């Protein structure tokens, strides 16, 4: 892989860093979402199997989401938040330009 990267142009590197930054942000977002859902579940003394039953979402999917490795659909998120007595909202965030240093 290192030999392959030696042939990259400046534009190749820009794309690589942009995609890497996007991927890392997505992983952080998934982890934060999972931690928030797990915290809400535990605050209500619910087990994953009980939440699964209440939300009609497979327990394995809840586990993946809580660990930050799931990619839940909007329907799944609505089911989980509804079962937890939460409201799913979208909040704008500030965008920053990612540049190679």
N, C-alpha and C. Protein backbone atom coordinates (compact mmCIF):
# COMPACT_ATOMS: atom_id res chain seq x y z
N UNK A 1 0.83 -1.18 0.00
CA UNK A 1 0.00 0.00 0.00
C UNK A 1 0.87 1.25 0.00
N UNK A 2 1.97 1.22 0.75
CA UNK A 2 2.85 2.39 0.80
C UNK A 2 3.41 2.71 -0.58
N UNK A 3 3.77 1.68 -1.35
CA UNK A 3 4.28 1.90 -2.71
C UNK A 3 3.21 2.55 -3.58
N UNK A 4 1.98 2.10 -3.41
CA UNK A 4 0.87 2.65 -4.19
C UNK A 4 0.67 4.12 -3.85
N UNK A 5 0.74 4.46 -2.57
CA UNK A 5 0.52 5.85 -2.14
C UNK A 5 1.63 6.79 -2.64
N UNK A 6 2.79 6.25 -2.89
CA UNK A 6 3.88 7.09 -3.38
C UNK A 6 3.54 7.72 -4.73
N UNK A 7 2.65 7.07 -5.47
CA UNK A 7 2.30 7.59 -6.80
C UNK A 7 1.12 8.56 -6.75
N UNK A 8 0.57 8.82 -5.56
CA UNK A 8 -0.60 9.70 -5.46
C UNK A 8 -0.24 11.15 -5.75
N UNK A 9 -1.15 11.81 -6.42
CA UNK A 9 -1.01 13.24 -6.69
C UNK A 9 -1.54 14.02 -5.49
N UNK A 10 -1.36 15.31 -5.53
CA UNK A 10 -1.89 16.17 -4.46
C UNK A 10 -3.42 16.04 -4.37
N UNK A 11 -4.08 15.94 -5.53
CA UNK A 11 -5.53 15.76 -5.53
C UNK A 11 -5.92 14.41 -4.91
N UNK A 12 -5.15 13.37 -5.17
CA UNK A 12 -5.42 12.07 -4.55
C UNK A 12 -5.36 12.17 -3.03
N UNK A 13 -4.34 12.88 -2.53
CA UNK A 13 -4.20 13.05 -1.09
C UNK A 13 -5.36 13.86 -0.51
N UNK A 14 -5.79 14.89 -1.21
CA UNK A 14 -6.92 15.70 -0.73
C UNK A 14 -8.17 14.83 -0.60
N UNK A 15 -8.40 14.01 -1.58
CA UNK A 15 -9.57 13.11 -1.54
C UNK A 15 -9.42 12.12 -0.39
N UNK A 16 -8.24 11.54 -0.25
CA UNK A 16 -7.99 10.59 0.83
C UNK A 16 -8.27 11.21 2.20
N UNK A 17 -7.75 12.41 2.44
CA UNK A 17 -7.94 13.05 3.74
C UNK A 17 -9.40 13.44 3.96
N UNK A 18 -10.07 13.89 2.92
CA UNK A 18 -11.48 14.26 3.06
C UNK A 18 -12.33 13.04 3.38
N UNK A 19 -12.12 11.96 2.66
CA UNK A 19 -12.88 10.73 2.90
C UNK A 19 -12.56 10.16 4.29
N UNK A 20 -11.30 10.19 4.67
CA UNK A 20 -10.91 9.70 5.99
C UNK A 20 -11.58 10.50 7.10
N UNK A 21 -11.61 11.82 6.95
CA UNK A 21 -12.24 12.68 7.95
C UNK A 21 -13.74 12.41 8.04
N UNK A 22 -14.38 12.24 6.88
CA UNK A 22 -15.81 11.94 6.87
C UNK A 22 -16.09 10.61 7.56
N UNK A 23 -15.28 9.62 7.27
CA UNK A 23 -15.46 8.29 7.87
C UNK A 23 -15.29 8.36 9.38
N UNK A 24 -14.25 9.04 9.84
CA UNK A 24 -14.01 9.15 11.27
C UNK A 24 -15.16 9.88 11.97
N UNK A 25 -15.69 10.91 11.35
CA UNK A 25 -16.82 11.65 11.92
C UNK A 25 -18.04 10.75 11.99
N UNK A 26 -18.30 10.00 10.95
CA UNK A 26 -19.45 9.10 10.96
C UNK A 26 -19.31 8.06 12.07
N UNK A 27 -18.13 7.54 12.28
CA UNK A 27 -17.92 6.55 13.34
C UNK A 27 -18.13 7.19 14.72
N UNK A 28 -17.65 8.43 14.90
CA UNK A 28 -17.87 9.12 16.17
C UNK A 28 -19.36 9.37 16.39
N UNK A 29 -20.07 9.79 15.33
CA UNK A 29 -21.50 10.04 15.44
C UNK A 29 -22.26 8.77 15.81
N UNK A 30 -21.91 7.65 15.18
CA UNK A 30 -22.57 6.38 15.49
C UNK A 30 -22.31 5.98 16.94
N UNK A 31 -21.08 6.19 17.39
CA UNK A 31 -20.72 5.85 18.76
C UNK A 31 -21.51 6.71 19.75
N UNK A 32 -21.62 8.00 19.46
CA UNK A 32 -22.37 8.91 20.34
C UNK A 32 -23.85 8.54 20.37
N UNK A 33 -24.42 8.22 19.22
CA UNK A 33 -25.82 7.81 19.16
C UNK A 33 -26.03 6.55 20.00
N UNK A 34 -25.17 5.58 19.82
CA UNK A 34 -25.28 4.33 20.56
C UNK A 34 -25.18 4.54 22.06
N UNK A 35 -24.23 5.38 22.46
CA UNK A 35 -24.05 5.66 23.89
C UNK A 35 -25.28 6.37 24.46
N UNK A 36 -25.86 7.28 23.69
CA UNK A 36 -27.06 7.99 24.15
C UNK A 36 -28.24 7.04 24.31
N UNK A 37 -28.43 6.16 23.34
CA UNK A 37 -29.53 5.20 23.44
C UNK A 37 -29.31 4.22 24.60
N UNK A 38 -28.09 3.77 24.77
CA UNK A 38 -27.79 2.86 25.87
C UNK A 38 -28.03 3.55 27.22
N UNK A 39 -27.61 4.79 27.33
CA UNK A 39 -27.81 5.54 28.56
C UNK A 39 -29.30 5.70 28.87
N UNK A 40 -30.09 6.03 27.86
CA UNK A 40 -31.53 6.19 28.05
C UNK A 40 -32.17 4.86 28.44
N UNK A 41 -31.73 3.80 27.83
CA UNK A 41 -32.26 2.47 28.15
C UNK A 41 -31.95 2.09 29.59
N UNK A 42 -30.69 2.29 29.98
CA UNK A 42 -30.28 1.93 31.33
C UNK A 42 -30.93 2.83 32.38
N UNK A 43 -31.15 4.10 32.05
CA UNK A 43 -31.80 5.03 32.98
C UNK A 43 -33.21 4.56 33.32
N UNK A 44 -33.80 3.80 32.40
CA UNK A 44 -35.15 3.26 32.63
C UNK A 44 -35.11 1.80 33.09
N UNK A 45 -33.93 1.35 33.43
CA UNK A 45 -33.72 -0.02 33.91
C UNK A 45 -34.27 -1.06 32.94
N UNK A 46 -34.08 -0.79 31.66
CA UNK A 46 -34.52 -1.73 30.63
C UNK A 46 -33.33 -2.55 30.14
N UNK A 47 -33.57 -3.81 29.89
CA UNK A 47 -32.57 -4.66 29.25
C UNK A 47 -32.73 -4.53 27.74
N UNK A 48 -31.73 -4.94 27.01
CA UNK A 48 -31.87 -4.95 25.56
C UNK A 48 -33.02 -5.83 25.11
N UNK A 49 -33.18 -7.04 25.68
CA UNK A 49 -34.32 -7.86 25.26
C UNK A 49 -35.68 -7.20 25.52
N UNK A 50 -35.80 -6.49 26.66
CA UNK A 50 -37.07 -5.82 26.96
C UNK A 50 -37.31 -4.66 25.98
N UNK A 51 -36.26 -3.88 25.69
CA UNK A 51 -36.40 -2.79 24.71
C UNK A 51 -36.73 -3.36 23.34
N UNK A 52 -36.13 -4.48 23.02
CA UNK A 52 -36.41 -5.16 21.75
C UNK A 52 -37.90 -5.46 21.63
N UNK A 53 -38.46 -5.97 22.70
CA UNK A 53 -39.88 -6.30 22.72
C UNK A 53 -40.75 -5.04 22.60
N UNK A 54 -40.39 -3.99 23.34
CA UNK A 54 -41.17 -2.76 23.33
C UNK A 54 -41.11 -2.04 21.97
N UNK A 55 -39.94 -2.08 21.35
CA UNK A 55 -39.72 -1.33 20.11
C UNK A 55 -39.94 -2.15 18.85
N UNK A 56 -40.08 -3.46 18.99
CA UNK A 56 -40.18 -4.37 17.84
C UNK A 56 -38.94 -4.23 16.95
N UNK A 57 -37.79 -4.23 17.62
CA UNK A 57 -36.48 -4.18 16.95
C UNK A 57 -35.67 -5.34 17.52
N UNK A 58 -34.98 -6.06 16.66
CA UNK A 58 -34.21 -7.21 17.13
C UNK A 58 -33.16 -6.78 18.15
N UNK A 59 -32.99 -7.61 19.17
CA UNK A 59 -32.02 -7.31 20.22
C UNK A 59 -30.61 -7.19 19.66
N UNK A 60 -30.28 -8.00 18.68
CA UNK A 60 -28.94 -7.93 18.07
C UNK A 60 -28.71 -6.57 17.40
N UNK A 61 -29.76 -6.02 16.82
CA UNK A 61 -29.63 -4.69 16.19
C UNK A 61 -29.43 -3.62 17.26
N UNK A 62 -30.14 -3.74 18.37
CA UNK A 62 -29.95 -2.79 19.48
C UNK A 62 -28.51 -2.87 19.96
N UNK A 63 -27.99 -4.06 20.11
CA UNK A 63 -26.60 -4.23 20.53
C UNK A 63 -25.63 -3.56 19.56
N UNK A 64 -25.85 -3.77 18.26
CA UNK A 64 -24.96 -3.15 17.26
C UNK A 64 -25.02 -1.63 17.34
N UNK A 65 -26.23 -1.09 17.50
CA UNK A 65 -26.38 0.36 17.58
C UNK A 65 -25.68 0.89 18.82
N UNK A 66 -25.90 0.25 19.95
CA UNK A 66 -25.29 0.71 21.20
C UNK A 66 -23.77 0.63 21.16
N UNK A 67 -23.23 -0.31 20.42
CA UNK A 67 -21.77 -0.43 20.29
C UNK A 67 -21.20 0.50 19.23
N UNK A 68 -22.08 1.20 18.51
CA UNK A 68 -21.62 2.13 17.49
C UNK A 68 -21.26 1.49 16.17
N UNK A 69 -21.65 0.24 15.96
CA UNK A 69 -21.31 -0.44 14.72
C UNK A 69 -22.54 -0.69 13.84
N UNK A 70 -23.70 -0.33 14.33
CA UNK A 70 -24.92 -0.50 13.54
C UNK A 70 -25.14 0.68 12.61
N UNK A 71 -26.00 0.47 11.65
CA UNK A 71 -26.39 1.53 10.72
C UNK A 71 -27.92 1.52 10.65
N UNK A 72 -28.56 2.02 11.73
CA UNK A 72 -30.01 1.89 11.82
C UNK A 72 -30.75 2.75 10.81
N UNK A 73 -31.90 2.25 10.38
CA UNK A 73 -32.77 3.03 9.52
C UNK A 73 -33.50 4.07 10.38
N UNK A 74 -34.11 5.03 9.72
CA UNK A 74 -34.92 6.02 10.44
C UNK A 74 -36.04 5.33 11.19
N UNK A 75 -36.66 4.34 10.56
CA UNK A 75 -37.75 3.60 11.22
C UNK A 75 -37.27 2.96 12.51
N UNK A 76 -36.11 2.34 12.47
CA UNK A 76 -35.55 1.71 13.68
C UNK A 76 -35.31 2.75 14.77
N UNK A 77 -34.74 3.89 14.40
CA UNK A 77 -34.49 4.94 15.38
C UNK A 77 -35.79 5.48 15.97
N UNK A 78 -36.80 5.67 15.12
CA UNK A 78 -38.09 6.14 15.63
C UNK A 78 -38.70 5.12 16.58
N UNK A 79 -38.62 3.85 16.25
CA UNK A 79 -39.17 2.81 17.13
C UNK A 79 -38.46 2.80 18.49
N UNK A 80 -37.15 2.89 18.46
CA UNK A 80 -36.39 2.86 19.71
C UNK A 80 -36.67 4.09 20.56
N UNK A 81 -36.62 5.26 19.94
CA UNK A 81 -36.84 6.48 20.72
C UNK A 81 -38.27 6.53 21.26
N UNK A 82 -39.23 6.09 20.46
CA UNK A 82 -40.61 6.07 20.92
C UNK A 82 -40.75 5.12 22.12
N UNK A 83 -40.16 3.95 22.03
CA UNK A 83 -40.24 2.97 23.11
C UNK A 83 -39.57 3.49 24.39
N UNK A 84 -38.58 4.36 24.22
CA UNK A 84 -37.87 4.93 25.37
C UNK A 84 -38.52 6.23 25.86
N UNK A 85 -39.59 6.65 25.20
CA UNK A 85 -40.25 7.89 25.59
C UNK A 85 -39.45 9.12 25.20
N UNK A 86 -38.66 8.99 24.16
CA UNK A 86 -37.83 10.08 23.67
C UNK A 86 -38.36 10.60 22.35
N UNK A 87 -37.90 11.78 21.97
CA UNK A 87 -38.25 12.35 20.67
C UNK A 87 -36.97 12.48 19.86
N UNK A 88 -37.00 11.99 18.65
CA UNK A 88 -35.84 12.07 17.76
C UNK A 88 -35.88 13.42 17.06
N UNK A 89 -34.82 14.21 17.20
CA UNK A 89 -34.75 15.53 16.58
C UNK A 89 -33.45 15.66 15.79
N UNK A 90 -33.46 16.56 14.83
CA UNK A 90 -32.27 16.85 14.04
C UNK A 90 -31.81 18.25 14.40
N UNK A 91 -30.56 18.37 14.80
CA UNK A 91 -30.01 19.65 15.22
C UNK A 91 -28.86 20.00 14.28
N UNK A 92 -28.88 21.20 13.70
CA UNK A 92 -27.78 21.58 12.81
C UNK A 92 -26.46 21.68 13.57
N UNK A 93 -25.39 21.37 12.88
CA UNK A 93 -24.07 21.52 13.48
C UNK A 93 -23.24 22.42 12.60
N UNK A 94 -22.20 22.96 13.18
CA UNK A 94 -21.29 23.82 12.39
C UNK A 94 -20.45 22.96 11.48
N UNK A 95 -20.25 23.40 10.28
CA UNK A 95 -19.40 22.71 9.32
C UNK A 95 -18.04 23.37 9.34
N UNK A 96 -17.00 22.56 9.29
CA UNK A 96 -15.64 23.09 9.21
C UNK A 96 -14.96 22.48 7.99
N UNK A 97 -14.12 23.25 7.36
CA UNK A 97 -13.37 22.79 6.20
C UNK A 97 -12.22 21.91 6.67
N UNK A 98 -12.11 20.71 6.13
CA UNK A 98 -11.01 19.81 6.48
C UNK A 98 -9.90 20.03 5.45
N UNK A 99 -8.72 20.35 5.95
CA UNK A 99 -7.58 20.56 5.05
C UNK A 99 -6.42 19.69 5.51
N UNK A 100 -5.58 19.35 4.56
CA UNK A 100 -4.39 18.56 4.85
C UNK A 100 -3.36 19.46 5.51
N UNK A 101 -2.76 18.95 6.57
CA UNK A 101 -1.74 19.75 7.29
C UNK A 101 -0.37 19.26 6.99
